[in-house]
Amino acid sequence: MSALLEVRDLVKTYGSGDAATHVLRGLTLALEKGEMAALLGASGSGKSTLLTILGTLMQPTSGSYTMLGQDLLAAGDAQLTQFRNKHIGFVFQFHNLLPDFTALENVLFPTAVREGRETAAART
């Protein structure tokens, strides 16, 4: 049985040469269905970078990443958008809500988009 989520040898480096900042250095992690994990670390240790990569919003410098059996580093933008809409939920540290929507409409908006409904989108 394969893991629900698996990263192998994940590396993320910003910049290059003497100015390179190595944020993730060969991280390997696997989570099975029903498991929970917590990320702990000092500011600047790579927690947000890892979550951004796991959310498919950023590509790592190298390594592999599969979720639900899909190689997410080989997927194109359209595939990633569909995958995020169907399988990944985000709770942002700062408010990223649509100001003209109620709290309920903000929560339901991804479902409406996924199902092709325009009820919520018609208000924008």
PDB file of N, CA and C in Angstrom:
ATOM      1  N   MET A   1       0.856  -1.191   0.000  1.00  0.00           N
ATOM      2  CA  MET A   1       0.000   0.000   0.000  1.00  0.00           C
ATOM      3  C   MET A   1       0.891   1.240   0.000  1.00  0.00           C
ATOM      4  N   SER A   2       0.617   2.185  -0.890  1.00  0.00           N
ATOM      5  CA  SER A   2       1.422   3.398  -0.948  1.00  0.00           C
ATOM      6  C   SER A   2       0.877   4.448   0.013  1.00  0.00           C
ATOM      7  N   ALA A   3       1.747   5.347   0.404  1.00  0.00           N
ATOM      8  CA  ALA A   3       1.380   6.411   1.337  1.00  0.00           C
ATOM      9  C   ALA A   3       0.399   7.375   0.675  1.00  0.00           C
ATOM     10  N   LEU A   4      -0.422   8.003   1.485  1.00  0.00           N
ATOM     11  CA  LEU A   4      -1.331   9.042   1.004  1.00  0.00           C
ATOM     12  C   LEU A   4      -0.531  10.216   0.434  1.00  0.00           C
ATOM     13  N   LEU A   5       0.510  10.583   1.153  1.00  0.00           N
ATOM     14  CA  LEU A   5       1.383  11.698   0.781  1.00  0.00           C
ATOM     15  C   LEU A   5       2.809  11.243   1.021  1.00  0.00           C
ATOM     16  N   GLU A   6       3.681  11.471   0.034  1.00  0.00           N
ATOM     17  CA  GLU A   6       5.076  11.083   0.205  1.00  0.00           C
ATOM     18  C   GLU A   6       6.003  12.070  -0.500  1.00  0.00           C
ATOM     19  N   VAL A   7       6.985  12.548   0.225  1.00  0.00           N
ATOM     20  CA  VAL A   7       8.055  13.353  -0.367  1.00  0.00           C
ATOM     21  C   VAL A   7       9.371  12.629  -0.108  1.00  0.00           C
ATOM     22  N   ARG A   8      10.244  12.661  -1.098  1.00  0.00           N
ATOM     23  CA  ARG A   8      11.555  12.025  -0.974  1.00  0.00           C
ATOM     24  C   ARG A   8      12.636  13.007  -1.413  1.00  0.00           C
ATOM     25  N   ASP A   9      13.618  13.136  -0.560  1.00  0.00           N
ATOM     26  CA  ASP A   9      14.792  13.965  -0.867  1.00  0.00           C
ATOM     27  C   ASP A   9      14.409  15.366  -1.339  1.00  0.00           C
ATOM     28  N   LEU A  10      13.412  15.959  -0.699  1.00  0.00           N
ATOM     29  CA  LEU A  10      12.920  17.276  -1.091  1.00  0.00           C
ATOM     30  C   LEU A  10      13.932  18.359  -0.728  1.00  0.00           C
ATOM     31  N   VAL A  11      14.266  19.171  -1.711  1.00  0.00           N
ATOM     32  CA  VAL A  11      15.223  20.260  -1.540  1.00  0.00           C
ATOM     33  C   VAL A  11      14.583  21.535  -2.064  1.00  0.00           C
ATOM     34  N   LYS A  12      14.742  22.620  -1.316  1.00  0.00           N
ATOM     35  CA  LYS A  12      14.329  23.940  -1.800  1.00  0.00           C
ATOM     36  C   LYS A  12      15.435  24.915  -1.470  1.00  0.00           C
ATOM     37  N   THR A  13      15.960  25.534  -2.504  1.00  0.00           N
ATOM     38  CA  THR A  13      17.035  26.509  -2.370  1.00  0.00           C
ATOM     39  C   THR A  13      16.596  27.792  -3.056  1.00  0.00           C
ATOM     40  N   TYR A  14      16.758  28.904  -2.372  1.00  0.00           N
ATOM     41  CA  TYR A  14      16.492  30.218  -2.950  1.00  0.00           C
ATOM     42  C   TYR A  14      17.830  30.842  -3.306  1.00  0.00           C
ATOM     43  N   GLY A  15      17.904  31.451  -4.475  1.00  0.00           N
ATOM     44  CA  GLY A  15      19.147  32.078  -4.902  1.00  0.00           C
ATOM     45  C   GLY A  15      20.140  31.042  -5.387  1.00  0.00           C
ATOM     46  N   SER A  16      21.360  31.502  -5.661  1.00  0.00           N
ATOM     47  CA  SER A  16      22.393  30.590  -6.149  1.00  0.00           C
ATOM     48  C   SER A  16      23.766  31.079  -5.715  1.00  0.00           C
ATOM     49  N   GLY A  17      24.742  30.218  -5.883  1.00  0.00           N
ATOM     50  CA  GLY A  17      26.115  30.565  -5.545  1.00  0.00           C
ATOM     51  C   GLY A  17      26.273  30.921  -4.081  1.00  0.00           C
ATOM     52  N   ASP A  18      27.059  31.975  -3.831  1.00  0.00           N
ATOM     53  CA  ASP A  18      27.307  32.411  -2.454  1.00  0.00           C
ATOM     54  C   ASP A  18      26.042  32.966  -1.788  1.00  0.00           C
ATOM     55  N   ALA A  19      25.071  33.381  -2.593  1.00  0.00           N
ATOM     56  CA  ALA A  19      23.843  33.949  -2.052  1.00  0.00           C
ATOM     57  C   ALA A  19      22.755  32.896  -1.836  1.00  0.00           C
ATOM     58  N   ALA A  20      23.065  31.623  -2.075  1.00  0.00           N
ATOM     59  CA  ALA A  20      22.068  30.555  -1.949  1.00  0.00           C
ATOM     60  C   ALA A  20      21.644  30.376  -0.495  1.00  0.00           C
ATOM     61  N   THR A  21      20.333  30.238  -0.311  1.00  0.00           N
ATOM     62  CA  THR A  21      19.766  29.925   1.003  1.00  0.00           C
ATOM     63  C   THR A  21      19.093  28.573   0.889  1.00  0.00           C
ATOM     64  N   HIS A  22      19.616  27.594   1.598  1.00  0.00           N
ATOM     65  CA  HIS A  22      19.104  26.230   1.555  1.00  0.00           C
ATOM     66  C   HIS A  22      18.049  26.077   2.648  1.00  0.00           C
ATOM     67  N   VAL A  23      16.800  25.988   2.239  1.00  0.00           N
ATOM     68  CA  VAL A  23      15.694  25.959   3.196  1.00  0.00           C
ATOM     69  C   VAL A  23      15.324  24.521   3.545  1.00  0.00           C
ATOM     70  N   LEU A  24      15.105  23.699   2.540  1.00  0.00           N
ATOM     71  CA  LEU A  24      14.843  22.275   2.759  1.00  0.00           C
ATOM     72  C   LEU A  24      16.032  21.501   2.195  1.00  0.00           C
ATOM     73  N   ARG A  25      16.530  20.555   2.964  1.00  0.00           N
ATOM     74  CA  ARG A  25      17.755  19.841   2.570  1.00  0.00           C
ATOM     75  C   ARG A  25      17.543  18.331   2.605  1.00  0.00           C
ATOM     76  N   GLY A  26      16.857  17.819   1.607  1.00  0.00           N
ATOM     77  CA  GLY A  26      16.698  16.375   1.490  1.00  0.00           C
ATOM     78  C   GLY A  26      15.643  15.786   2.405  1.00  0.00           C
ATOM     79  N   LEU A  27      14.545  16.487   2.596  1.00  0.00           N
ATOM     80  CA  LEU A  27      13.464  16.033   3.468  1.00  0.00           C
ATOM     81  C   LEU A  27      12.760  14.825   2.867  1.00  0.00           C
ATOM     82  N   THR A  28      12.559  13.797   3.675  1.00  0.00           N
ATOM     83  CA  THR A  28      11.784  12.628   3.292  1.00  0.00           C
ATOM     84  C   THR A  28      10.694  12.433   4.331  1.00  0.00           C
ATOM     85  N   LEU A  29       9.457  12.264   3.861  1.00  0.00           N
ATOM     86  CA  LEU A  29       8.306  12.179   4.744  1.00  0.00           C
ATOM     87  C   LEU A  29       7.222  11.366   4.046  1.00  0.00           C
ATOM     88  N   ALA A  30       6.538  10.517   4.814  1.00  0.00           N
ATOM     89  CA  ALA A  30       5.383   9.787   4.282  1.00  0.00           C
ATOM     90  C   ALA A  30       4.277   9.827   5.329  1.00  0.00           C
ATOM     91  N   LEU A  31       3.065  10.086   4.884  1.00  0.00           N
ATOM     92  CA  LEU A  31       1.896  10.070   5.756  1.00  0.00           C
ATOM     93  C   LEU A  31       0.864   9.120   5.174  1.00  0.00           C
ATOM     94  N   GLU A  32       0.323   8.258   6.023  1.00  0.00           N
ATOM     95  CA  GLU A  32      -0.722   7.327   5.628  1.00  0.00           C
ATOM     96  C   GLU A  32      -2.089   7.960   5.921  1.00  0.00           C
ATOM     97  N   LYS A  33      -3.118   7.441   5.309  1.00  0.00           N
ATOM     98  CA  LYS A  33      -4.476   7.919   5.558  1.00  0.00           C
ATOM     99  C   LYS A  33      -4.769   7.805   7.055  1.00  0.00           C
ATOM    100  N   GLY A  34      -5.303   8.888   7.640  1.00  0.00           N
ATOM    101  CA  GLY A  34      -5.662   8.907   9.051  1.00  0.00           C
ATOM    102  C   GLY A  34      -4.557   9.383   9.972  1.00  0.00           C
ATOM    103  N   GLU A  35      -3.335   9.472   9.488  1.00  0.00           N
ATOM    104  CA  GLU A  35      -2.241   9.977  10.315  1.00  0.00           C
ATOM    105  C   GLU A  35      -2.296  11.491  10.389  1.00  0.00           C
ATOM    106  N   MET A  36      -1.763  12.031  11.482  1.00  0.00           N
ATOM    107  CA  MET A  36      -1.637  13.472  11.637  1.00  0.00           C
ATOM    108  C   MET A  36      -0.179  13.803  11.892  1.00  0.00           C
ATOM    109  N   ALA A  37       0.203  15.002  11.510  1.00  0.00           N
ATOM    110  CA  ALA A  37       1.570  15.455  11.730  1.00  0.00           C
ATOM    111  C   ALA A  37       1.531  16.919  12.153  1.00  0.00           C
ATOM    112  N   ALA A  38       2.528  17.325  12.895  1.00  0.00           N
ATOM    113  CA  ALA A  38       2.675  18.726  13.294  1.00  0.00           C
ATOM    114  C   ALA A  38       4.056  19.194  12.866  1.00  0.00           C
ATOM    115  N   LEU A  39       4.131  20.410  12.362  1.00  0.00           N
ATOM    116  CA  LEU A  39       5.414  21.005  11.992  1.00  0.00           C
ATOM    117  C   LEU A  39       5.815  21.992  13.078  1.00  0.00           C
ATOM    118  N   LEU A  40       6.967  21.768  13.647  1.00  0.00           N
ATOM    119  CA  LEU A  40       7.491  22.652  14.684  1.00  0.00           C
ATOM    120  C   LEU A  40       8.871  23.110  14.270  1.00  0.00           C
ATOM    121  N   GLY A  41       9.178  24.346  14.547  1.00  0.00           N
ATOM    122  CA  GLY A  41      10.508  24.853  14.234  1.00  0.00           C
ATOM    123  C   GLY A  41      10.552  26.354  14.389  1.00  0.00           C
ATOM    124  N   ALA A  42      11.753  26.830  14.464  1.00  0.00           N
ATOM    125  CA  ALA A  42      11.979  28.263  14.607  1.00  0.00           C
ATOM    126  C   ALA A  42      11.556  29.000  13.343  1.00  0.00           C
ATOM    127  N   SER A  43      11.328  30.279  13.492  1.00  0.00           N
ATOM    128  CA  SER A  43      11.036  31.124  12.347  1.00  0.00           C
ATOM    129  C   SER A  43      12.179  30.992  11.340  1.00  0.00           C
ATOM    130  N   GLY A  44      11.810  30.791  10.066  1.00  0.00           N
ATOM    131  CA  GLY A  44      12.817  30.669   9.023  1.00  0.00           C
ATOM    132  C   GLY A  44      13.338  29.261   8.822  1.00  0.00           C
ATOM    133  N   SER A  45      12.756  28.293   9.508  1.00  0.00           N
ATOM    134  CA  SER A  45      13.273  26.921   9.398  1.00  0.00           C
ATOM    135  C   SER A  45      12.686  26.138   8.222  1.00  0.00           C
ATOM    136  N   GLY A  46      11.713  26.699   7.503  1.00  0.00           N
ATOM    137  CA  GLY A  46      11.196  26.047   6.308  1.00  0.00           C
ATOM    138  C   GLY A  46       9.789  25.491   6.422  1.00  0.00           C
ATOM    139  N   LYS A  47       9.102  25.754   7.527  1.00  0.00           N
ATOM    140  CA  LYS A  47       7.750  25.221   7.714  1.00  0.00           C
ATOM    141  C   LYS A  47       6.798  25.723   6.621  1.00  0.00           C
ATOM    142  N   SER A  48       6.753  27.009   6.425  1.00  0.00           N
ATOM    143  CA  SER A  48       5.850  27.585   5.409  1.00  0.00           C
ATOM    144  C   SER A  48       6.266  27.172   4.005  1.00  0.00           C
ATOM    145  N   THR A  49       7.553  27.079   3.765  1.00  0.00           N
ATOM    146  CA  THR A  49       8.024  26.630   2.453  1.00  0.00           C
ATOM    147  C   THR A  49       7.540  25.216   2.186  1.00  0.00           C
ATOM    148  N   LEU A  50       7.676  24.315   3.168  1.00  0.00           N
ATOM    149  CA  LEU A  50       7.212  22.943   2.999  1.00  0.00           C
ATOM    150  C   LEU A  50       5.710  22.908   2.745  1.00  0.00           C
ATOM    151  N   LEU A  51       4.934  23.644   3.524  1.00  0.00           N
ATOM    152  CA  LEU A  51       3.481  23.639   3.333  1.00  0.00           C
ATOM    153  C   LEU A  51       3.083  24.207   1.979  1.00  0.00           C
ATOM    154  N   THR A  52       3.811  25.196   1.511  1.00  0.00           N
ATOM    155  CA  THR A  52       3.530  25.777   0.193  1.00  0.00           C
ATOM    156  C   THR A  52       3.820  24.764  -0.908  1.00  0.00           C
ATOM    157  N   ILE A  53       4.876  23.986  -0.749  1.00  0.00           N
ATOM    158  CA  ILE A  53       5.179  22.923  -1.716  1.00  0.00           C
ATOM    159  C   ILE A  53       4.128  21.824  -1.634  1.00  0.00           C
ATOM    160  N   LEU A  54       3.775  21.398  -0.413  1.00  0.00           N
ATOM    161  CA  LEU A  54       2.767  20.344  -0.254  1.00  0.00           C
ATOM    162  C   LEU A  54       1.408  20.778  -0.799  1.00  0.00           C
ATOM    163  N   GLY A  55       1.126  22.078  -0.749  1.00  0.00           N
ATOM    164  CA  GLY A  55      -0.115  22.617  -1.306  1.00  0.00           C
ATOM    165  C   GLY A  55      -0.051  22.828  -2.800  1.00  0.00           C
ATOM    166  N   THR A  56       1.041  22.457  -3.420  1.00  0.00           N
ATOM    167  CA  THR A  56       1.302  22.559  -4.868  1.00  0.00           C
ATOM    168  C   THR A  56       1.310  24.001  -5.365  1.00  0.00           C
ATOM    169  N   LEU A  57       1.619  24.933  -4.470  1.00  0.00           N
ATOM    170  CA  LEU A  57       1.700  26.341  -4.868  1.00  0.00           C
ATOM    171  C   LEU A  57       3.117  26.754  -5.229  1.00  0.00           C
ATOM    172  N   MET A  58       4.100  25.884  -4.942  1.00  0.00           N
ATOM    173  CA  MET A  58       5.503  26.160  -5.222  1.00  0.00           C
ATOM    174  C   MET A  58       6.181  24.837  -5.578  1.00  0.00           C
ATOM    175  N   GLN A  59       7.122  24.901  -6.498  1.00  0.00           N
ATOM    176  CA  GLN A  59       7.899  23.722  -6.871  1.00  0.00           C
ATOM    177  C   GLN A  59       9.181  23.667  -6.039  1.00  0.00           C
ATOM    178  N   PRO A  60       9.597  22.466  -5.623  1.00  0.00           N
ATOM    179  CA  PRO A  60      10.882  22.359  -4.941  1.00  0.00           C
ATOM    180  C   PRO A  60      12.019  22.467  -5.951  1.00  0.00           C
ATOM    181  N   THR A  61      13.209  22.660  -5.465  1.00  0.00           N
ATOM    182  CA  THR A  61      14.390  22.680  -6.331  1.00  0.00           C
ATOM    183  C   THR A  61      14.645  21.285  -6.879  1.00  0.00           C
ATOM    184  N   SER A  62      14.476  20.271  -6.034  1.00  0.00           N
ATOM    185  CA  SER A  62      14.616  18.883  -6.466  1.00  0.00           C
ATOM    186  C   SER A  62      13.897  17.977  -5.480  1.00  0.00           C
ATOM    187  N   GLY A  63      13.775  16.710  -5.853  1.00  0.00           N
ATOM    188  CA  GLY A  63      13.105  15.726  -5.026  1.00  0.00           C
ATOM    189  C   GLY A  63      11.849  15.234  -5.715  1.00  0.00           C
ATOM    190  N   SER A  64      11.066  14.432  -5.006  1.00  0.00           N
ATOM    191  CA  SER A  64       9.823  13.908  -5.561  1.00  0.00           C
ATOM    192  C   SER A  64       8.692  14.126  -4.569  1.00  0.00           C
ATOM    193  N   TYR A  65       7.475  14.219  -5.115  1.00  0.00           N
ATOM    194  CA  TYR A  65       6.287  14.459  -4.287  1.00  0.00           C
ATOM    195  C   TYR A  65       5.104  13.769  -4.938  1.00  0.00           C
ATOM    196  N   THR A  66       4.520  12.817  -4.225  1.00  0.00           N
ATOM    197  CA  THR A  66       3.309  12.165  -4.690  1.00  0.00           C
ATOM    198  C   THR A  66       2.233  12.279  -3.617  1.00  0.00           C
ATOM    199  N   MET A  67       1.002  12.446  -4.068  1.00  0.00           N
ATOM    200  CA  MET A  67      -0.146  12.437  -3.183  1.00  0.00           C
ATOM    201  C   MET A  67      -1.246  11.670  -3.909  1.00  0.00           C
ATOM    202  N   LEU A  68      -1.896  10.778  -3.188  1.00  0.00           N
ATOM    203  CA  LEU A  68      -2.957   9.951  -3.764  1.00  0.00           C
ATOM    204  C   LEU A  68      -2.480   9.241  -5.024  1.00  0.00           C
ATOM    205  N   GLY A  69      -1.197   8.864  -5.027  1.00  0.00           N
ATOM    206  CA  GLY A  69      -0.626   8.135  -6.149  1.00  0.00           C
ATOM    207  C   GLY A  69      -0.260   8.985  -7.352  1.00  0.00           C
ATOM    208  N   GLN A  70      -0.438  10.288  -7.273  1.00  0.00           N
ATOM    209  CA  GLN A  70      -0.132  11.169  -8.402  1.00  0.00           C
ATOM    210  C   GLN A  70       1.201  11.878  -8.187  1.00  0.00           C
ATOM    211  N   ASP A  71       2.026  11.894  -9.235  1.00  0.00           N
ATOM    212  CA  ASP A  71       3.285  12.623  -9.207  1.00  0.00           C
ATOM    213  C   ASP A  71       2.964  14.094  -9.431  1.00  0.00           C
ATOM    214  N   LEU A  72       2.934  14.862  -8.350  1.00  0.00           N
ATOM    215  CA  LEU A  72       2.500  16.256  -8.456  1.00  0.00           C
ATOM    216  C   LEU A  72       3.569  17.179  -9.029  1.00  0.00           C
ATOM    217  N   LEU A  73       4.809  16.749  -9.065  1.00  0.00           N
ATOM    218  CA  LEU A  73       5.852  17.584  -9.662  1.00  0.00           C
ATOM    219  C   LEU A  73       5.871  17.465 -11.179  1.00  0.00           C
ATOM    220  N   ALA A  74       5.227  16.424 -11.709  1.00  0.00           N
ATOM    221  CA  ALA A  74       5.147  16.250 -13.157  1.00  0.00           C
ATOM    222  C   ALA A  74       3.862  16.850 -13.729  1.00  0.00           C
ATOM    223  N   ALA A  75       2.954  17.265 -12.864  1.00  0.00           N
ATOM    224  CA  ALA A  75       1.662  17.793 -13.319  1.00  0.00           C
ATOM    225  C   ALA A  75       1.794  19.223 -13.818  1.00  0.00           C
ATOM    226  N   GLY A  76       0.991  19.573 -14.796  1.00  0.00           N
ATOM    227  CA  GLY A  76       0.945  20.933 -15.312  1.00  0.00           C
ATOM    228  C   GLY A  76       0.049  21.818 -14.454  1.00  0.00           C
ATOM    229  N   ASP A  77       0.037  23.099 -14.752  1.00  0.00           N
ATOM    230  CA  ASP A  77      -0.746  24.059 -13.977  1.00  0.00           C
ATOM    231  C   ASP A  77      -2.231  23.708 -13.912  1.00  0.00           C
ATOM    232  N   ALA A  78      -2.816  23.334 -15.041  1.00  0.00           N
ATOM    233  CA  ALA A  78      -4.247  23.016 -15.065  1.00  0.00           C
ATOM    234  C   ALA A  78      -4.531  21.786 -14.205  1.00  0.00           C
ATOM    235  N   GLN A  79      -3.669  20.777 -14.289  1.00  0.00           N
ATOM    236  CA  GLN A  79      -3.846  19.569 -13.476  1.00  0.00           C
ATOM    237  C   GLN A  79      -3.718  19.897 -11.989  1.00  0.00           C
ATOM    238  N   LEU A  80      -2.747  20.736 -11.645  1.00  0.00           N
ATOM    239  CA  LEU A  80      -2.550  21.104 -10.250  1.00  0.00           C
ATOM    240  C   LEU A  80      -3.731  21.901  -9.718  1.00  0.00           C
ATOM    241  N   THR A  81      -4.267  22.782 -10.535  1.00  0.00           N
ATOM    242  CA  THR A  81      -5.438  23.555 -10.125  1.00  0.00           C
ATOM    243  C   THR A  81      -6.603  22.627  -9.822  1.00  0.00           C
ATOM    244  N   GLN A  82      -6.852  21.673 -10.689  1.00  0.00           N
ATOM    245  CA  GLN A  82      -7.935  20.710 -10.462  1.00  0.00           C
ATOM    246  C   GLN A  82      -7.659  19.857  -9.229  1.00  0.00           C
ATOM    247  N   PHE A  83      -6.406  19.425  -9.059  1.00  0.00           N
ATOM    248  CA  PHE A  83      -6.048  18.593  -7.908  1.00  0.00           C
ATOM    249  C   PHE A  83      -6.264  19.359  -6.601  1.00  0.00           C
ATOM    250  N   ARG A  84      -5.795  20.611  -6.557  1.00  0.00           N
ATOM    251  CA  ARG A  84      -5.985  21.435  -5.354  1.00  0.00           C
ATOM    252  C   ARG A  84      -7.468  21.606  -5.052  1.00  0.00           C
ATOM    253  N   ASN A  85      -8.251  21.887  -6.083  1.00  0.00           N
ATOM    254  CA  ASN A  85      -9.677  22.130  -5.886  1.00  0.00           C
ATOM    255  C   ASN A  85     -10.390  20.906  -5.332  1.00  0.00           C
ATOM    256  N   LYS A  86      -9.950  19.744  -5.729  1.00  0.00           N
ATOM    257  CA  LYS A  86     -10.624  18.514  -5.320  1.00  0.00           C
ATOM    258  C   LYS A  86     -10.071  17.912  -4.028  1.00  0.00           C
ATOM    259  N   HIS A  87      -8.760  18.073  -3.764  1.00  0.00           N
ATOM    260  CA  HIS A  87      -8.126  17.304  -2.697  1.00  0.00           C
ATOM    261  C   HIS A  87      -7.431  18.105  -1.593  1.00  0.00           C
ATOM    262  N   ILE A  88      -7.161  19.376  -1.801  1.00  0.00           N
ATOM    263  CA  ILE A  88      -6.358  20.125  -0.829  1.00  0.00           C
ATOM    264  C   ILE A  88      -7.162  21.305  -0.296  1.00  0.00           C
ATOM    265  N   GLY A  89      -7.165  21.471   1.005  1.00  0.00           N
ATOM    266  CA  GLY A  89      -7.817  22.621   1.630  1.00  0.00           C
ATOM    267  C   GLY A  89      -6.772  23.504   2.281  1.00  0.00           C
ATOM    268  N   PHE A  90      -6.990  24.778   2.243  1.00  0.00           N
ATOM    269  CA  PHE A  90      -6.038  25.737   2.806  1.00  0.00           C
ATOM    270  C   PHE A  90      -6.692  26.523   3.938  1.00  0.00           C
ATOM    271  N   VAL A  91      -5.979  26.694   5.011  1.00  0.00           N
ATOM    272  CA  VAL A  91      -6.356  27.620   6.071  1.00  0.00           C
ATOM    273  C   VAL A  91      -5.174  28.579   6.175  1.00  0.00           C
ATOM    274  N   PHE A  92      -5.372  29.793   5.708  1.00  0.00           N
ATOM    275  CA  PHE A  92      -4.284  30.755   5.637  1.00  0.00           C
ATOM    276  C   PHE A  92      -4.075  31.463   6.979  1.00  0.00           C
ATOM    277  N   GLN A  93      -2.845  31.854   7.210  1.00  0.00           N
ATOM    278  CA  GLN A  93      -2.493  32.582   8.426  1.00  0.00           C
ATOM    279  C   GLN A  93      -3.147  33.967   8.425  1.00  0.00           C
ATOM    280  N   PHE A  94      -3.254  34.559   7.262  1.00  0.00           N
ATOM    281  CA  PHE A  94      -3.883  35.863   7.128  1.00  0.00           C
ATOM    282  C   PHE A  94      -5.173  35.678   6.340  1.00  0.00           C
ATOM    283  N   HIS A  95      -6.096  36.594   6.484  1.00  0.00           N
ATOM    284  CA  HIS A  95      -7.396  36.474   5.826  1.00  0.00           C
ATOM    285  C   HIS A  95      -7.247  36.615   4.315  1.00  0.00           C
ATOM    286  N   ASN A  96      -7.675  35.598   3.599  1.00  0.00           N
ATOM    287  CA  ASN A  96      -7.710  35.615   2.137  1.00  0.00           C
ATOM    288  C   ASN A  96      -9.134  35.342   1.689  1.00  0.00           C
ATOM    289  N   LEU A  97     -10.057  36.100   2.243  1.00  0.00           N
ATOM    290  CA  LEU A  97     -11.464  35.912   1.936  1.00  0.00           C
ATOM    291  C   LEU A  97     -11.914  36.919   0.883  1.00  0.00           C
ATOM    292  N   LEU A  98     -12.944  36.536   0.142  1.00  0.00           N
ATOM    293  CA  LEU A  98     -13.530  37.461  -0.822  1.00  0.00           C
ATOM    294  C   LEU A  98     -14.432  38.414  -0.042  1.00  0.00           C
ATOM    295  N   PRO A  99     -14.139  39.712  -0.059  1.00  0.00           N
ATOM    296  CA  PRO A  99     -14.822  40.650   0.838  1.00  0.00           C
ATOM    297  C   PRO A  99     -16.314  40.799   0.608  1.00  0.00           C
ATOM    298  N   ASP A 100     -16.793  40.540  -0.616  1.00  0.00           N
ATOM    299  CA  ASP A 100     -18.218  40.696  -0.894  1.00  0.00           C
ATOM    300  C   ASP A 100     -19.035  39.456  -0.549  1.00  0.00           C
ATOM    301  N   PHE A 101     -18.358  38.399  -0.100  1.00  0.00           N
ATOM    302  CA  PHE A 101     -19.029  37.141   0.221  1.00  0.00           C
ATOM    303  C   PHE A 101     -19.205  37.015   1.723  1.00  0.00           C
ATOM    304  N   THR A 102     -20.242  36.291   2.121  1.00  0.00           N
ATOM    305  CA  THR A 102     -20.393  35.952   3.537  1.00  0.00           C
ATOM    306  C   THR A 102     -19.356  34.877   3.879  1.00  0.00           C
ATOM    307  N   ALA A 103     -19.196  34.578   5.166  1.00  0.00           N
ATOM    308  CA  ALA A 103     -18.267  33.520   5.579  1.00  0.00           C
ATOM    309  C   ALA A 103     -18.665  32.195   4.934  1.00  0.00           C
ATOM    310  N   LEU A 104     -19.953  31.879   4.931  1.00  0.00           N
ATOM    311  CA  LEU A 104     -20.429  30.637   4.330  1.00  0.00           C
ATOM    312  C   LEU A 104     -20.134  30.598   2.830  1.00  0.00           C
ATOM    313  N   GLU A 105     -20.375  31.694   2.133  1.00  0.00           N
ATOM    314  CA  GLU A 105     -20.091  31.732   0.694  1.00  0.00           C
ATOM    315  C   GLU A 105     -18.604  31.560   0.412  1.00  0.00           C
ATOM    316  N   ASN A 106     -17.748  32.115   1.248  1.00  0.00           N
ATOM    317  CA  ASN A 106     -16.312  31.928   1.091  1.00  0.00           C
ATOM    318  C   ASN A 106     -15.931  30.458   1.239  1.00  0.00           C
ATOM    319  N   VAL A 107     -16.554  29.773   2.193  1.00  0.00           N
ATOM    320  CA  VAL A 107     -16.262  28.354   2.405  1.00  0.00           C
ATOM    321  C   VAL A 107     -16.790  27.509   1.256  1.00  0.00           C
ATOM    322  N   LEU A 108     -17.968  27.848   0.743  1.00  0.00           N
ATOM    323  CA  LEU A 108     -18.596  27.060  -0.313  1.00  0.00           C
ATOM    324  C   LEU A 108     -18.073  27.380  -1.707  1.00  0.00           C
ATOM    325  N   PHE A 109     -17.374  28.468  -1.867  1.00  0.00           N
ATOM    326  CA  PHE A 109     -16.925  28.903  -3.193  1.00  0.00           C
ATOM    327  C   PHE A 109     -16.137  27.830  -3.954  1.00  0.00           C
ATOM    328  N   PRO A 110     -15.143  27.157  -3.355  1.00  0.00           N
ATOM    329  CA  PRO A 110     -14.415  26.121  -4.113  1.00  0.00           C
ATOM    330  C   PRO A 110     -15.316  24.998  -4.612  1.00  0.00           C
ATOM    331  N   THR A 111     -16.320  24.628  -3.827  1.00  0.00           N
ATOM    332  CA  THR A 111     -17.256  23.589  -4.261  1.00  0.00           C
ATOM    333  C   THR A 111     -18.060  24.073  -5.454  1.00  0.00           C
ATOM    334  N   ALA A 112     -18.498  25.309  -5.408  1.00  0.00           N
ATOM    335  CA  ALA A 112     -19.262  25.861  -6.525  1.00  0.00           C
ATOM    336  C   ALA A 112     -18.423  25.889  -7.800  1.00  0.00           C
ATOM    337  N   VAL A 113     -17.170  26.249  -7.665  1.00  0.00           N
ATOM    338  CA  VAL A 113     -16.282  26.281  -8.831  1.00  0.00           C
ATOM    339  C   VAL A 113     -16.091  24.868  -9.355  1.00  0.00           C
ATOM    340  N   ARG A 114     -15.821  23.933  -8.442  1.00  0.00           N
ATOM    341  CA  ARG A 114     -15.579  22.546  -8.843  1.00  0.00           C
ATOM    342  C   ARG A 114     -16.784  21.966  -9.564  1.00  0.00           C
ATOM    343  N   GLU A 115     -17.958  22.275  -9.108  1.00  0.00           N
ATOM    344  CA  GLU A 115     -19.170  21.712  -9.705  1.00  0.00           C
ATOM    345  C   GLU A 115     -19.669  22.534 -10.889  1.00  0.00           C
ATOM    346  N   GLY A 116     -18.949  23.583 -11.236  1.00  0.00           N
ATOM    347  CA  GLY A 116     -19.315  24.370 -12.399  1.00  0.00           C
ATOM    348  C   GLY A 116     -20.464  25.326 -12.170  1.00  0.00           C
ATOM    349  N   ARG A 117     -20.849  25.515 -10.918  1.00  0.00           N
ATOM    350  CA  ARG A 117     -21.929  26.445 -10.629  1.00  0.00           C
ATOM    351  C   ARG A 117     -21.395  27.870 -10.632  1.00  0.00           C
ATOM    352  N   GLU A 118     -22.215  28.790 -10.961  1.00  0.00           N
ATOM    353  CA  GLU A 118     -21.798  30.191 -10.971  1.00  0.00           C
ATOM    354  C   GLU A 118     -22.588  31.004  -9.961  1.00  0.00           C
ATOM    355  N   THR A 119     -23.219  30.367  -9.017  1.00  0.00           N
ATOM    356  CA  THR A 119     -24.054  31.115  -8.088  1.00  0.00           C
ATOM    357  C   THR A 119     -23.226  32.086  -7.257  1.00  0.00           C
ATOM    358  N   ALA A 120     -22.164  31.629  -6.682  1.00  0.00           N
ATOM    359  CA  ALA A 120     -21.321  32.514  -5.878  1.00  0.00           C
ATOM    360  C   ALA A 120     -20.518  33.447  -6.753  1.00  0.00           C
ATOM    361  N   ALA A 121     -20.022  32.937  -7.892  1.00  0.00           N
ATOM    362  CA  ALA A 121     -19.166  33.740  -8.767  1.00  0.00           C
ATOM    363  C   ALA A 121     -19.936  34.874  -9.429  1.00  0.00           C
ATOM    364  N   ALA A 122     -21.233  34.749  -9.582  1.00  0.00           N
ATOM    365  CA  ALA A 122     -22.024  35.775 -10.256  1.00  0.00           C
ATOM    366  C   ALA A 122     -22.014  37.101  -9.498  1.00  0.00           C
ATOM    367  N   ARG A 123     -21.702  37.064  -8.214  1.00  0.00           N
ATOM    368  CA  ARG A 123     -21.704  38.286  -7.415  1.00  0.00           C
ATOM    369  C   ARG A 123     -20.436  39.104  -7.568  1.00  0.00           C
ATOM    370  N   THR A 124     -19.415  38.535  -8.210  1.00  0.00           N
ATOM    371  CA  THR A 124     -18.141  39.277  -8.317  1.00  0.00           C
ATOM    372  C   THR A 124     -18.090  40.136  -9.538  1.00  0.00           C
TER     373      THR A 124
END
